[in-house]
C-alpha atoms as a PDB file:
ATOM      1  CA  MET A   1      -4.441 -31.887 -38.881  1.00  0.00           C
ATOM      2  CA  THR A   2      -6.851 -29.529 -40.532  1.00  0.00           C
ATOM      3  CA  VAL A   3      -8.551 -26.785 -38.563  1.00  0.00           C
ATOM      4  CA  THR A   4     -11.882 -25.671 -39.836  1.00  0.00           C
ATOM      5  CA  ALA A   5     -13.341 -22.367 -38.784  1.00  0.00           C
ATOM      6  CA  ARG A   6     -16.948 -22.119 -37.786  1.00  0.00           C
ATOM      7  CA  LYS A   7     -18.900 -19.785 -39.960  1.00  0.00           C
ATOM      8  CA  ALA A   8     -21.720 -19.471 -37.472  1.00  0.00           C
ATOM      9  CA  TRP A   9     -22.101 -19.832 -33.741  1.00  0.00           C
ATOM     10  CA  THR A  10     -25.236 -21.326 -32.276  1.00  0.00           C
ATOM     11  CA  ASP A  11     -27.104 -19.452 -29.578  1.00  0.00           C
ATOM     12  CA  GLU A  12     -26.229 -22.234 -27.155  1.00  0.00           C
ATOM     13  CA  ARG A  13     -22.515 -21.920 -27.864  1.00  0.00           C
ATOM     14  CA  LEU A  14     -22.653 -18.150 -27.552  1.00  0.00           C
ATOM     15  CA  ASP A  15     -24.445 -18.513 -24.219  1.00  0.00           C
ATOM     16  CA  ASP A  16     -21.753 -20.944 -23.038  1.00  0.00           C
ATOM     17  CA  LEU A  17     -19.043 -18.522 -24.112  1.00  0.00           C
ATOM     18  CA  LYS A  18     -20.749 -15.646 -22.307  1.00  0.00           C
ATOM     19  CA  GLU A  19     -21.105 -17.721 -19.144  1.00  0.00           C
ATOM     20  CA  ARG A  20     -17.440 -18.744 -19.182  1.00  0.00           C
ATOM     21  CA  MET A  21     -16.341 -15.154 -19.798  1.00  0.00           C
ATOM     22  CA  ASP A  22     -18.537 -13.945 -16.926  1.00  0.00           C
ATOM     23  CA  GLU A  23     -16.989 -16.575 -14.636  1.00  0.00           C
ATOM     24  CA  ARG A  24     -13.477 -15.550 -15.629  1.00  0.00           C
ATOM     25  CA  PHE A  25     -14.175 -11.863 -15.088  1.00  0.00           C
ATOM     26  CA  ASP A  26     -15.691 -12.665 -11.688  1.00  0.00           C
ATOM     27  CA  LEU A  27     -12.416 -14.391 -10.773  1.00  0.00           C
ATOM     28  CA  VAL A  28     -10.454 -11.365 -11.950  1.00  0.00           C
ATOM     29  CA  ASP A  29     -12.686  -9.105  -9.848  1.00  0.00           C
ATOM     30  CA  GLU A  30     -12.047 -11.270  -6.787  1.00  0.00           C
ATOM     31  CA  ARG A  31      -8.300 -11.060  -7.323  1.00  0.00           C
ATOM     32  CA  PHE A  32      -8.469  -7.278  -7.667  1.00  0.00           C
ATOM     33  CA  ASP A  33     -10.461  -7.127  -4.426  1.00  0.00           C
ATOM     34  CA  LEU A  34      -7.651  -9.037  -2.692  1.00  0.00           C
ATOM     35  CA  VAL A  35      -5.069  -6.670  -4.144  1.00  0.00           C
ATOM     36  CA  ASP A  36      -7.116  -3.682  -2.948  1.00  0.00           C
ATOM     37  CA  GLU A  37      -7.200  -5.153   0.573  1.00  0.00           C
ATOM     38  CA  ARG A  38      -3.424  -5.563   0.535  1.00  0.00           C
ATOM     39  CA  PHE A  39      -2.924  -1.974  -0.597  1.00  0.00           C
ATOM     40  CA  ASN A  40      -5.238  -0.766   2.163  1.00  0.00           C
ATOM     41  CA  ARG A  41      -3.214  -2.690   4.754  1.00  0.00           C
ATOM     42  CA  VAL A  42       0.064  -1.325   3.368  1.00  0.00           C
ATOM     43  CA  ASP A  43      -1.379   2.199   3.427  1.00  0.00           C
ATOM     44  CA  ALA A  44      -2.404   1.775   7.074  1.00  0.00           C
ATOM     45  CA  ASP A  45       1.065   0.439   7.944  1.00  0.00           C
ATOM     46  CA  ILE A  46       2.732   3.403   6.227  1.00  0.00           C
ATOM     47  CA  ARG A  47       0.524   5.835   8.147  1.00  0.00           C
ATOM     48  CA  GLU A  48       1.484   4.123  11.413  1.00  0.00           C
ATOM     49  CA  ILE A  49       5.182   4.302  10.540  1.00  0.00           C
ATOM     50  CA  ARG A  50       4.885   7.991   9.655  1.00  0.00           C
ATOM     51  CA  GLY A  51       3.249   8.677  13.007  1.00  0.00           C
ATOM     52  CA  THR A  52       6.041   6.856  14.811  1.00  0.00           C
ATOM     53  CA  LEU A  53       8.724   8.726  12.867  1.00  0.00           C
ATOM     54  CA  GLU A  54       7.084  12.059  13.631  1.00  0.00           C
ATOM     55  CA  SER A  55       7.096  11.159  17.326  1.00  0.00           C
ATOM     56  CA  VAL A  56      10.780  10.198  17.174  1.00  0.00           C
ATOM     57  CA  GLN A  57      11.560  13.426  15.333  1.00  0.00           C
ATOM     58  CA  GLN A  58       9.818  15.513  18.004  1.00  0.00           C
ATOM     59  CA  THR A  59      11.740  13.694  20.725  1.00  0.00           C
ATOM     60  CA  MET A  60      15.045  14.302  18.935  1.00  0.00           C
ATOM     61  CA  VAL A  61      14.310  18.022  18.533  1.00  0.00           C
ATOM     62  CA  ALA A  62      13.454  18.289  22.240  1.00  0.00           C
ATOM     63  CA  MET A  63      16.616  16.402  23.237  1.00  0.00           C
ATOM     64  CA  SER A  64      18.733  18.582  20.961  1.00  0.00           C
ATOM     65  CA  GLY A  65      17.318  21.680  22.653  1.00  0.00           C
ATOM     66  CA  ILE A  66      18.100  20.265  26.078  1.00  0.00           C
ATOM     67  CA  MET A  67      21.655  19.404  25.009  1.00  0.00           C
ATOM     68  CA  VAL A  68      22.282  22.861  23.571  1.00  0.00           C
ATOM     69  CA  THR A  69      20.971  24.426  26.763  1.00  0.00           C
ATOM     70  CA  GLY A  70      23.244  22.162  28.807  1.00  0.00           C
ATOM     71  CA  PHE A  71      26.315  22.987  26.716  1.00  0.00           C
ATOM     72  CA  LEU A  72      25.604  26.723  26.943  1.00  0.00           C
ATOM     73  CA  THR A  73      25.167  26.408  30.699  1.00  0.00           C
ATOM     74  CA  LEU A  74      28.503  24.580  31.031  1.00  0.00           C
ATOM     75  CA  ALA A  75      30.212  27.161  28.814  1.00  0.00           C
ATOM     76  CA  GLY A  76      28.753  29.935  30.948  1.00  0.00           C
ATOM     77  CA  LEU A  77      29.971  28.285  34.168  1.00  0.00           C
ATOM     78  CA  GLN A  78      33.469  27.889  32.782  1.00  0.00           C
ATOM     79  CA  ALA A  79      33.563  31.550  31.826  1.00  0.00           C
ATOM     80  CA  PHE A  80      33.358  32.539  35.489  1.00  0.00           C
END
């Protein structure tokens, strides 16, 4: 099987090549758009999780303060 290289491309063939390349790049752009949407959703989910964790952290700090106050109160009552 012998492969011969074209020495010249016709305008029609170049136009076909350009059209096919444009179609392929359009498909790539669509896929990148889908990836961008996924990243945006993941980013929103991470922000929601951070908000929840901050709320849990604040609750834990408040509960720790209440517990320390309770232990100090009990220690003070036992001292009498």
